[in-house]
Amino acid sequence: MPTTDATAVSTTPEGAAPARRRTWILITCCMSLFISTMNASVVNVALPALRRDLGASTAALQWTVDAFTLVVAAFLLMAGTTADRVGRRRFSSSSSGA
């Protein structure tokens, strides 16, 4: 016979779900920052090869880095706006090809 004790203790604290969600949001934000930093690092690693193969000047290399950063920022803004409009789950599943 099941007991209906009013003093029964719940196994999950009430604040666990919001805290877990905040943790996942923080992890997601940190990973997106890490990926953006890696993008910039890849371009900077490729600069010596660009200079050697294309004979680019220092100014041209600076423009290359700036143009890349600007394009990535524009795509990030477009992706965020699209996710806001169509929903983040639908956007994520469509962008992953699933």
PDB file of N, CA and C in Angstrom:
ATOM      1  N   MET A   1       0.845  -1.165   0.000  1.00  0.00           N
ATOM      2  CA  MET A   1       0.000   0.000   0.000  1.00  0.00           C
ATOM      3  C   MET A   1       0.903   1.244   0.000  1.00  0.00           C
ATOM      4  N   PRO A   2       0.701   2.160  -0.954  1.00  0.00           N
ATOM      5  CA  PRO A   2       1.548   3.351  -1.022  1.00  0.00           C
ATOM      6  C   PRO A   2       1.264   4.294   0.132  1.00  0.00           C
ATOM      7  N   THR A   3       2.318   4.922   0.579  1.00  0.00           N
ATOM      8  CA  THR A   3       2.148   5.875   1.667  1.00  0.00           C
ATOM      9  C   THR A   3       2.018   7.280   1.101  1.00  0.00           C
ATOM     10  N   THR A   4       1.255   8.087   1.759  1.00  0.00           N
ATOM     11  CA  THR A   4       1.071   9.481   1.358  1.00  0.00           C
ATOM     12  C   THR A   4       1.545  10.386   2.477  1.00  0.00           C
ATOM     13  N   ASP A   5       2.777  10.253   2.819  1.00  0.00           N
ATOM     14  CA  ASP A   5       3.354  11.035   3.894  1.00  0.00           C
ATOM     15  C   ASP A   5       3.585  12.463   3.419  1.00  0.00           C
ATOM     16  N   ALA A   6       3.070  13.429   4.086  1.00  0.00           N
ATOM     17  CA  ALA A   6       3.201  14.841   3.707  1.00  0.00           C
ATOM     18  C   ALA A   6       4.611  15.360   3.914  1.00  0.00           C
ATOM     19  N   THR A   7       5.387  14.649   4.701  1.00  0.00           N
ATOM     20  CA  THR A   7       6.755  15.102   4.965  1.00  0.00           C
ATOM     21  C   THR A   7       7.776  14.390   4.094  1.00  0.00           C
ATOM     22  N   ALA A   8       7.331  13.703   3.052  1.00  0.00           N
ATOM     23  CA  ALA A   8       8.260  12.994   2.170  1.00  0.00           C
ATOM     24  C   ALA A   8       9.186  13.997   1.477  1.00  0.00           C
ATOM     25  N   VAL A   9      10.434  13.625   1.388  1.00  0.00           N
ATOM     26  CA  VAL A   9      11.441  14.507   0.812  1.00  0.00           C
ATOM     27  C   VAL A   9      11.583  14.206  -0.675  1.00  0.00           C
ATOM     28  N   SER A  10      11.555  15.255  -1.480  1.00  0.00           N
ATOM     29  CA  SER A  10      11.742  15.106  -2.918  1.00  0.00           C
ATOM     30  C   SER A  10      13.211  14.819  -3.213  1.00  0.00           C
ATOM     31  N   THR A  11      13.464  13.971  -4.209  1.00  0.00           N
ATOM     32  CA  THR A  11      14.851  13.642  -4.547  1.00  0.00           C
ATOM     33  C   THR A  11      15.507  14.725  -5.397  1.00  0.00           C
ATOM     34  N   THR A  12      14.704  15.561  -6.032  1.00  0.00           N
ATOM     35  CA  THR A  12      15.268  16.655  -6.830  1.00  0.00           C
ATOM     36  C   THR A  12      14.958  17.981  -6.184  1.00  0.00           C
ATOM     37  N   PRO A  13      15.982  18.775  -5.928  1.00  0.00           N
ATOM     38  CA  PRO A  13      15.698  20.094  -5.370  1.00  0.00           C
ATOM     39  C   PRO A  13      14.976  20.975  -6.385  1.00  0.00           C
ATOM     40  N   GLU A  14      14.158  21.862  -5.880  1.00  0.00           N
ATOM     41  CA  GLU A  14      13.367  22.710  -6.767  1.00  0.00           C
ATOM     42  C   GLU A  14      14.225  23.624  -7.627  1.00  0.00           C
ATOM     43  N   GLY A  15      15.377  24.041  -7.159  1.00  0.00           N
ATOM     44  CA  GLY A  15      16.238  24.942  -7.917  1.00  0.00           C
ATOM     45  C   GLY A  15      17.182  24.236  -8.862  1.00  0.00           C
ATOM     46  N   ALA A  16      17.128  22.899  -8.945  1.00  0.00           N
ATOM     47  CA  ALA A  16      18.081  22.159  -9.775  1.00  0.00           C
ATOM     48  C   ALA A  16      17.833  22.376 -11.264  1.00  0.00           C
ATOM     49  N   ALA A  17      16.566  22.399 -11.669  1.00  0.00           N
ATOM     50  CA  ALA A  17      16.272  22.548 -13.101  1.00  0.00           C
ATOM     51  C   ALA A  17      16.712  23.908 -13.643  1.00  0.00           C
ATOM     52  N   PRO A  18      16.375  25.026 -12.999  1.00  0.00           N
ATOM     53  CA  PRO A  18      16.856  26.312 -13.516  1.00  0.00           C
ATOM     54  C   PRO A  18      18.376  26.434 -13.467  1.00  0.00           C
ATOM     55  N   ALA A  19      19.005  25.887 -12.442  1.00  0.00           N
ATOM     56  CA  ALA A  19      20.466  25.947 -12.348  1.00  0.00           C
ATOM     57  C   ALA A  19      21.102  25.122 -13.455  1.00  0.00           C
ATOM     58  N   ARG A  20      20.539  23.965 -13.745  1.00  0.00           N
ATOM     59  CA  ARG A  20      21.058  23.124 -14.823  1.00  0.00           C
ATOM     60  C   ARG A  20      20.895  23.822 -16.164  1.00  0.00           C
ATOM     61  N   ARG A  21      19.783  24.486 -16.360  1.00  0.00           N
ATOM     62  CA  ARG A  21      19.559  25.205 -17.620  1.00  0.00           C
ATOM     63  C   ARG A  21      20.549  26.357 -17.770  1.00  0.00           C
ATOM     64  N   ARG A  22      20.774  27.098 -16.690  1.00  0.00           N
ATOM     65  CA  ARG A  22      21.754  28.193 -16.735  1.00  0.00           C
ATOM     66  C   ARG A  22      23.146  27.666 -17.045  1.00  0.00           C
ATOM     67  N   THR A  23      23.471  26.505 -16.512  1.00  0.00           N
ATOM     68  CA  THR A  23      24.774  25.910 -16.785  1.00  0.00           C
ATOM     69  C   THR A  23      24.916  25.575 -18.267  1.00  0.00           C
ATOM     70  N   TRP A  24      23.882  24.995 -18.862  1.00  0.00           N
ATOM     71  CA  TRP A  24      23.939  24.658 -20.291  1.00  0.00           C
ATOM     72  C   TRP A  24      24.000  25.917 -21.157  1.00  0.00           C
ATOM     73  N   ILE A  25      23.302  26.954 -20.762  1.00  0.00           N
ATOM     74  CA  ILE A  25      23.368  28.216 -21.509  1.00  0.00           C
ATOM     75  C   ILE A  25      24.777  28.786 -21.443  1.00  0.00           C
ATOM     76  N   LEU A  26      25.394  28.738 -20.267  1.00  0.00           N
ATOM     77  CA  LEU A  26      26.764  29.222 -20.116  1.00  0.00           C
ATOM     78  C   LEU A  26      27.735  28.393 -20.950  1.00  0.00           C
ATOM     79  N   ILE A  27      27.582  27.088 -20.953  1.00  0.00           N
ATOM     80  CA  ILE A  27      28.440  26.219 -21.755  1.00  0.00           C
ATOM     81  C   ILE A  27      28.286  26.529 -23.233  1.00  0.00           C
ATOM     82  N   THR A  28      27.054  26.741 -23.684  1.00  0.00           N
ATOM     83  CA  THR A  28      26.813  27.066 -25.087  1.00  0.00           C
ATOM     84  C   THR A  28      27.453  28.392 -25.471  1.00  0.00           C
ATOM     85  N   CYS A  29      27.315  29.393 -24.624  1.00  0.00           N
ATOM     86  CA  CYS A  29      27.932  30.696 -24.906  1.00  0.00           C
ATOM     87  C   CYS A  29      29.448  30.593 -24.942  1.00  0.00           C
ATOM     88  N   CYS A  30      30.018  29.845 -24.021  1.00  0.00           N
ATOM     89  CA  CYS A  30      31.480  29.675 -24.000  1.00  0.00           C
ATOM     90  C   CYS A  30      31.964  28.937 -25.239  1.00  0.00           C
ATOM     91  N   MET A  31      31.231  27.921 -25.674  1.00  0.00           N
ATOM     92  CA  MET A  31      31.633  27.181 -26.877  1.00  0.00           C
ATOM     93  C   MET A  31      31.537  28.052 -28.122  1.00  0.00           C
ATOM     94  N   SER A  32      30.516  28.896 -28.216  1.00  0.00           N
ATOM     95  CA  SER A  32      30.409  29.771 -29.382  1.00  0.00           C
ATOM     96  C   SER A  32      31.543  30.786 -29.405  1.00  0.00           C
ATOM     97  N   LEU A  33      31.930  31.294 -28.253  1.00  0.00           N
ATOM     98  CA  LEU A  33      33.078  32.198 -28.185  1.00  0.00           C
ATOM     99  C   LEU A  33      34.359  31.471 -28.566  1.00  0.00           C
ATOM    100  N   PHE A  34      34.515  30.241 -28.111  1.00  0.00           N
ATOM    101  CA  PHE A  34      35.695  29.446 -28.451  1.00  0.00           C
ATOM    102  C   PHE A  34      35.774  29.204 -29.953  1.00  0.00           C
ATOM    103  N   ILE A  35      34.644  28.861 -30.574  1.00  0.00           N
ATOM    104  CA  ILE A  35      34.623  28.609 -32.014  1.00  0.00           C
ATOM    105  C   ILE A  35      34.944  29.881 -32.789  1.00  0.00           C
ATOM    106  N   SER A  36      34.412  31.010 -32.363  1.00  0.00           N
ATOM    107  CA  SER A  36      34.721  32.283 -33.025  1.00  0.00           C
ATOM    108  C   SER A  36      36.204  32.615 -32.909  1.00  0.00           C
ATOM    109  N   THR A  37      36.777  32.370 -31.750  1.00  0.00           N
ATOM    110  CA  THR A  37      38.208  32.615 -31.556  1.00  0.00           C
ATOM    111  C   THR A  37      39.035  31.682 -32.433  1.00  0.00           C
ATOM    112  N   MET A  38      38.613  30.446 -32.548  1.00  0.00           N
ATOM    113  CA  MET A  38      39.334  29.498 -33.406  1.00  0.00           C
ATOM    114  C   MET A  38      39.273  29.931 -34.871  1.00  0.00           C
ATOM    115  N   ASN A  39      38.137  30.479 -35.304  1.00  0.00           N
ATOM    116  CA  ASN A  39      38.032  30.991 -36.673  1.00  0.00           C
ATOM    117  C   ASN A  39      39.073  32.069 -36.930  1.00  0.00           C
ATOM    118  N   ALA A  40      39.179  33.012 -36.017  1.00  0.00           N
ATOM    119  CA  ALA A  40      40.151  34.087 -36.176  1.00  0.00           C
ATOM    120  C   ALA A  40      41.576  33.536 -36.139  1.00  0.00           C
ATOM    121  N   SER A  41      41.825  32.547 -35.309  1.00  0.00           N
ATOM    122  CA  SER A  41      43.157  31.954 -35.217  1.00  0.00           C
ATOM    123  C   SER A  41      43.539  31.248 -36.509  1.00  0.00           C
ATOM    124  N   VAL A  42      42.590  30.577 -37.134  1.00  0.00           N
ATOM    125  CA  VAL A  42      42.868  29.879 -38.387  1.00  0.00           C
ATOM    126  C   VAL A  42      43.294  30.876 -39.456  1.00  0.00           C
ATOM    127  N   VAL A  43      42.620  32.005 -39.528  1.00  0.00           N
ATOM    128  CA  VAL A  43      42.983  33.022 -40.515  1.00  0.00           C
ATOM    129  C   VAL A  43      44.381  33.556 -40.218  1.00  0.00           C
ATOM    130  N   ASN A  44      44.668  33.814 -38.961  1.00  0.00           N
ATOM    131  CA  ASN A  44      45.987  34.337 -38.604  1.00  0.00           C
ATOM    132  C   ASN A  44      47.096  33.326 -38.866  1.00  0.00           C
ATOM    133  N   VAL A  45      46.826  32.045 -38.704  1.00  0.00           N
ATOM    134  CA  VAL A  45      47.818  31.015 -39.005  1.00  0.00           C
ATOM    135  C   VAL A  45      48.083  30.956 -40.510  1.00  0.00           C
ATOM    136  N   ALA A  46      47.056  31.232 -41.314  1.00  0.00           N
ATOM    137  CA  ALA A  46      47.203  31.166 -42.771  1.00  0.00           C
ATOM    138  C   ALA A  46      47.877  32.408 -43.360  1.00  0.00           C
ATOM    139  N   LEU A  47      48.063  33.466 -42.591  1.00  0.00           N
ATOM    140  CA  LEU A  47      48.623  34.707 -43.127  1.00  0.00           C
ATOM    141  C   LEU A  47      50.023  34.550 -43.739  1.00  0.00           C
ATOM    142  N   PRO A  48      50.947  33.848 -43.108  1.00  0.00           N
ATOM    143  CA  PRO A  48      52.257  33.703 -43.757  1.00  0.00           C
ATOM    144  C   PRO A  48      52.190  33.001 -45.121  1.00  0.00           C
ATOM    145  N   ALA A  49      51.333  31.995 -45.226  1.00  0.00           N
ATOM    146  CA  ALA A  49      51.187  31.301 -46.517  1.00  0.00           C
ATOM    147  C   ALA A  49      50.550  32.226 -47.552  1.00  0.00           C
ATOM    148  N   LEU A  50      49.582  33.038 -47.124  1.00  0.00           N
ATOM    149  CA  LEU A  50      48.970  33.999 -48.051  1.00  0.00           C
ATOM    150  C   LEU A  50      50.003  35.006 -48.542  1.00  0.00           C
ATOM    151  N   ARG A  51      50.824  35.473 -47.632  1.00  0.00           N
ATOM    152  CA  ARG A  51      51.865  36.441 -48.008  1.00  0.00           C
ATOM    153  C   ARG A  51      52.840  35.809 -48.991  1.00  0.00           C
ATOM    154  N   ARG A  52      53.268  34.592 -48.708  1.00  0.00           N
ATOM    155  CA  ARG A  52      54.246  33.923 -49.552  1.00  0.00           C
ATOM    156  C   ARG A  52      53.663  33.575 -50.930  1.00  0.00           C
ATOM    157  N   ASP A  53      52.475  32.977 -50.957  1.00  0.00           N
ATOM    158  CA  ASP A  53      51.906  32.496 -52.218  1.00  0.00           C
ATOM    159  C   ASP A  53      51.346  33.613 -53.090  1.00  0.00           C
ATOM    160  N   LEU A  54      50.758  34.626 -52.459  1.00  0.00           N
ATOM    161  CA  LEU A  54      50.118  35.690 -53.233  1.00  0.00           C
ATOM    162  C   LEU A  54      50.943  36.964 -53.289  1.00  0.00           C
ATOM    163  N   GLY A  55      52.011  37.025 -52.529  1.00  0.00           N
ATOM    164  CA  GLY A  55      52.826  38.232 -52.497  1.00  0.00           C
ATOM    165  C   GLY A  55      52.070  39.413 -51.909  1.00  0.00           C
ATOM    166  N   ALA A  56      51.265  39.148 -50.888  1.00  0.00           N
ATOM    167  CA  ALA A  56      50.427  40.198 -50.304  1.00  0.00           C
ATOM    168  C   ALA A  56      51.246  41.085 -49.372  1.00  0.00           C
ATOM    169  N   SER A  57      50.884  42.352 -49.341  1.00  0.00           N
ATOM    170  CA  SER A  57      51.531  43.294 -48.425  1.00  0.00           C
ATOM    171  C   SER A  57      50.892  43.180 -47.040  1.00  0.00           C
ATOM    172  N   THR A  58      51.492  43.854 -46.082  1.00  0.00           N
ATOM    173  CA  THR A  58      50.949  43.851 -44.721  1.00  0.00           C
ATOM    174  C   THR A  58      49.554  44.458 -44.695  1.00  0.00           C
ATOM    175  N   ALA A  59      49.351  45.520 -45.448  1.00  0.00           N
ATOM    176  CA  ALA A  59      48.031  46.158 -45.497  1.00  0.00           C
ATOM    177  C   ALA A  59      46.989  45.207 -46.086  1.00  0.00           C
ATOM    178  N   ALA A  60      47.374  44.464 -47.116  1.00  0.00           N
ATOM    179  CA  ALA A  60      46.437  43.512 -47.731  1.00  0.00           C
ATOM    180  C   ALA A  60      46.082  42.399 -46.753  1.00  0.00           C
ATOM    181  N   LEU A  61      47.053  41.972 -45.972  1.00  0.00           N
ATOM    182  CA  LEU A  61      46.777  40.938 -44.971  1.00  0.00           C
ATOM    183  C   LEU A  61      45.857  41.454 -43.872  1.00  0.00           C
ATOM    184  N   GLN A  62      46.042  42.710 -43.481  1.00  0.00           N
ATOM    185  CA  GLN A  62      45.141  43.302 -42.485  1.00  0.00           C
ATOM    186  C   GLN A  62      43.721  43.394 -43.029  1.00  0.00           C
ATOM    187  N   TRP A  63      43.592  43.759 -44.295  1.00  0.00           N
ATOM    188  CA  TRP A  63      42.269  43.816 -44.905  1.00  0.00           C
ATOM    189  C   TRP A  63      41.645  42.425 -44.974  1.00  0.00           C
ATOM    190  N   THR A  64      42.455  41.415 -45.210  1.00  0.00           N
ATOM    191  CA  THR A  64      41.945  40.041 -45.266  1.00  0.00           C
ATOM    192  C   THR A  64      41.356  39.628 -43.920  1.00  0.00           C
ATOM    193  N   VAL A  65      42.086  39.896 -42.847  1.00  0.00           N
ATOM    194  CA  VAL A  65      41.600  39.555 -41.508  1.00  0.00           C
ATOM    195  C   VAL A  65      40.337  40.345 -41.188  1.00  0.00           C
ATOM    196  N   ASP A  66      40.335  41.640 -41.502  1.00  0.00           N
ATOM    197  CA  ASP A  66      39.158  42.471 -41.215  1.00  0.00           C
ATOM    198  C   ASP A  66      37.938  42.027 -42.018  1.00  0.00           C
ATOM    199  N   ALA A  67      38.149  41.704 -43.295  1.00  0.00           N
ATOM    200  CA  ALA A  67      37.030  41.268 -44.128  1.00  0.00           C
ATOM    201  C   ALA A  67      36.466  39.944 -43.623  1.00  0.00           C
ATOM    202  N   PHE A  68      37.347  39.024 -43.249  1.00  0.00           N
ATOM    203  CA  PHE A  68      36.885  37.736 -42.714  1.00  0.00           C
ATOM    204  C   PHE A  68      36.076  37.926 -41.440  1.00  0.00           C
ATOM    205  N   THR A  69      36.587  38.760 -40.543  1.00  0.00           N
ATOM    206  CA  THR A  69      35.890  39.014 -39.282  1.00  0.00           C
ATOM    207  C   THR A  69      34.527  39.651 -39.532  1.00  0.00           C
ATOM    208  N   LEU A  70      34.460  40.582 -40.464  1.00  0.00           N
ATOM    209  CA  LEU A  70      33.196  41.243 -40.786  1.00  0.00           C
ATOM    210  C   LEU A  70      32.181  40.269 -41.367  1.00  0.00           C
ATOM    211  N   VAL A  71      32.623  39.402 -42.250  1.00  0.00           N
ATOM    212  CA  VAL A  71      31.708  38.428 -42.857  1.00  0.00           C
ATOM    213  C   VAL A  71      31.203  37.435 -41.805  1.00  0.00           C
ATOM    214  N   VAL A  72      32.085  36.962 -40.948  1.00  0.00           N
ATOM    215  CA  VAL A  72      31.660  36.033 -39.885  1.00  0.00           C
ATOM    216  C   VAL A  72      30.653  36.712 -38.952  1.00  0.00           C
ATOM    217  N   ALA A  73      30.911  37.965 -38.601  1.00  0.00           N
ATOM    218  CA  ALA A  73      29.978  38.693 -37.731  1.00  0.00           C
ATOM    219  C   ALA A  73      28.616  38.861 -38.403  1.00  0.00           C
ATOM    220  N   ALA A  74      28.617  39.160 -39.698  1.00  0.00           N
ATOM    221  CA  ALA A  74      27.348  39.316 -40.425  1.00  0.00           C
ATOM    222  C   ALA A  74      26.577  38.002 -40.452  1.00  0.00           C
ATOM    223  N   PHE A  75      27.275  36.893 -40.683  1.00  0.00           N
ATOM    224  CA  PHE A  75      26.598  35.594 -40.689  1.00  0.00           C
ATOM    225  C   PHE A  75      26.087  35.214 -39.305  1.00  0.00           C
ATOM    226  N   LEU A  76      26.823  35.564 -38.258  1.00  0.00           N
ATOM    227  CA  LEU A  76      26.342  35.291 -36.907  1.00  0.00           C
ATOM    228  C   LEU A  76      25.073  36.080 -36.595  1.00  0.00           C
ATOM    229  N   LEU A  77      25.032  37.342 -37.021  1.00  0.00           N
ATOM    230  CA  LEU A  77      23.819  38.141 -36.815  1.00  0.00           C
ATOM    231  C   LEU A  77      22.641  37.565 -37.590  1.00  0.00           C
ATOM    232  N   MET A  78      22.892  37.163 -38.848  1.00  0.00           N
ATOM    233  CA  MET A  78      21.812  36.570 -39.649  1.00  0.00           C
ATOM    234  C   MET A  78      21.326  35.261 -39.028  1.00  0.00           C
ATOM    235  N   ALA A  79      22.246  34.450 -38.543  1.00  0.00           N
ATOM    236  CA  ALA A  79      21.861  33.178 -37.927  1.00  0.00           C
ATOM    237  C   ALA A  79      21.041  33.420 -36.665  1.00  0.00           C
ATOM    238  N   GLY A  80      21.436  34.389 -35.850  1.00  0.00           N
ATOM    239  CA  GLY A  80      20.677  34.702 -34.641  1.00  0.00           C
ATOM    240  C   GLY A  80      19.288  35.213 -34.943  1.00  0.00           C
ATOM    241  N   THR A  81      19.183  36.092 -35.931  1.00  0.00           N
ATOM    242  CA  THR A  81      17.880  36.627 -36.322  1.00  0.00           C
ATOM    243  C   THR A  81      16.984  35.532 -36.877  1.00  0.00           C
ATOM    244  N   THR A  82      17.548  34.667 -37.711  1.00  0.00           N
ATOM    245  CA  THR A  82      16.767  33.568 -38.273  1.00  0.00           C
ATOM    246  C   THR A  82      16.299  32.614 -37.177  1.00  0.00           C
ATOM    247  N   ALA A  83      17.179  32.319 -36.228  1.00  0.00           N
ATOM    248  CA  ALA A  83      16.788  31.440 -35.120  1.00  0.00           C
ATOM    249  C   ALA A  83      15.685  32.064 -34.279  1.00  0.00           C
ATOM    250  N   ASP A  84      15.721  33.392 -34.105  1.00  0.00           N
ATOM    251  CA  ASP A  84      14.651  34.064 -33.364  1.00  0.00           C
ATOM    252  C   ASP A  84      13.326  33.990 -34.104  1.00  0.00           C
ATOM    253  N   ARG A  85      13.384  34.075 -35.419  1.00  0.00           N
ATOM    254  CA  ARG A  85      12.139  34.088 -36.198  1.00  0.00           C
ATOM    255  C   ARG A  85      11.520  32.719 -36.379  1.00  0.00           C
ATOM    256  N   VAL A  86      12.325  31.702 -36.653  1.00  0.00           N
ATOM    257  CA  VAL A  86      11.761  30.381 -36.940  1.00  0.00           C
ATOM    258  C   VAL A  86      11.822  29.437 -35.755  1.00  0.00           C
ATOM    259  N   GLY A  87      12.522  29.817 -34.714  1.00  0.00           N
ATOM    260  CA  GLY A  87      12.651  28.964 -33.540  1.00  0.00           C
ATOM    261  C   GLY A  87      14.005  28.293 -33.526  1.00  0.00           C
ATOM    262  N   ARG A  88      14.600  28.260 -32.355  1.00  0.00           N
ATOM    263  CA  ARG A  88      15.973  27.760 -32.275  1.00  0.00           C
ATOM    264  C   ARG A  88      16.077  26.280 -32.557  1.00  0.00           C
ATOM    265  N   ARG A  89      15.089  25.497 -32.153  1.00  0.00           N
ATOM    266  CA  ARG A  89      15.158  24.045 -32.414  1.00  0.00           C
ATOM    267  C   ARG A  89      15.012  23.742 -33.891  1.00  0.00           C
ATOM    268  N   ARG A  90      14.066  24.399 -34.530  1.00  0.00           N
ATOM    269  CA  ARG A  90      13.872  24.174 -35.964  1.00  0.00           C
ATOM    270  C   ARG A  90      15.084  24.660 -36.759  1.00  0.00           C
ATOM    271  N   PHE A  91      15.633  25.796 -36.347  1.00  0.00           N
ATOM    272  CA  PHE A  91      16.815  26.329 -37.028  1.00  0.00           C
ATOM    273  C   PHE A  91      18.019  25.401 -36.839  1.00  0.00           C
ATOM    274  N   SER A  92      18.217  24.923 -35.628  1.00  0.00           N
ATOM    275  CA  SER A  92      19.353  24.032 -35.352  1.00  0.00           C
ATOM    276  C   SER A  92      19.227  22.714 -36.113  1.00  0.00           C
ATOM    277  N   SER A  93      18.027  22.163 -36.166  1.00  0.00           N
ATOM    278  CA  SER A  93      17.869  20.905 -36.880  1.00  0.00           C
ATOM    279  C   SER A  93      17.997  21.085 -38.387  1.00  0.00           C
ATOM    280  N   SER A  94      17.589  22.240 -38.911  1.00  0.00           N
ATOM    281  CA  SER A  94      17.736  22.463 -40.346  1.00  0.00           C
ATOM    282  C   SER A  94      19.173  22.779 -40.717  1.00  0.00           C
ATOM    283  N   SER A  95      19.916  23.417 -39.821  1.00  0.00           N
ATOM    284  CA  SER A  95      21.297  23.748 -40.144  1.00  0.00           C
ATOM    285  C   SER A  95      22.215  22.545 -40.003  1.00  0.00           C
ATOM    286  N   SER A  96      21.820  21.548 -39.230  1.00  0.00           N
ATOM    287  CA  SER A  96      22.657  20.353 -39.076  1.00  0.00           C
ATOM    288  C   SER A  96      22.338  19.309 -40.127  1.00  0.00           C
ATOM    289  N   GLY A  97      21.336  19.573 -40.947  1.00  0.00           N
ATOM    290  CA  GLY A  97      20.993  18.652 -42.020  1.00  0.00           C
ATOM    291  C   GLY A  97      20.065  17.529 -41.595  1.00  0.00           C
ATOM    292  N   ALA A  98      19.560  17.561 -40.382  1.00  0.00           N
ATOM    293  CA  ALA A  98      18.670  16.487 -39.913  1.00  0.00           C
ATOM    294  C   ALA A  98      17.238  16.739 -40.313  1.00  0.00           C
TER     295      ALA A  98
END
